[in-house]
Amino acid sequence: MDGGVVTFCYLTNTAEDGDKPLYKLLPFSKAYFAYRTISYRRMYEARGANEEVDLLIRAWRDPKVCRGQYAVLSQSVNDGQYEIRMVQHTVDEDNLQVSDITLQKVDQLYDVLTDETEESTGCPADYQP
C-alpha cells in the first residue's frame, strides 16, 4: 500500500443551533492505500447511474467505512477530497482483508476538523449519506 495515506471522514454540521449550517469533515479513521485501475465496465456502469468514477483505491479493511462518507488523500499524486461511492470488501492475493473503494471528486471542498476529541464509530445513527 504505497499510494499514501487516506483519511476517512463524515460530513458534520458544526454551526450552533439556529445558525446557517456550516459543514466540515470529521475524521474517524486513517489507512495506507494503493491505487487500482478503473475498469471500463465500472466506468460505464457509473455513468449509467449518473455518477462519475474518478479514482479507485485499495485500503486495509475497515468496517466503519461506507458509501456517502468522504476520503481525504494525502502524500499522493491525487491529493484532494473525494466522496465514497462504493465500498467492496474482499481479500487480496495474500489472503489479507482489504476494501476496494470507488471515489468521486467533490465539487465543494470542506475544512477538515483536526481536533478528534469526539469519538466516532464511523456511521453515526443520525448520519444520512
Foldseek 3Di string as FASTA:
>chain_A
DPQAKKWWWAWDFPDDPPDDTAIATETADMWDKDWDDDDPVNQVVQVVVVHGFDTKIKTADDVLDAFQIKMAGPPHPDGAIWGWHGWDWDADPVRGIMIITTTDGDPDDHHYDPDNPDHDSRADPPDDD
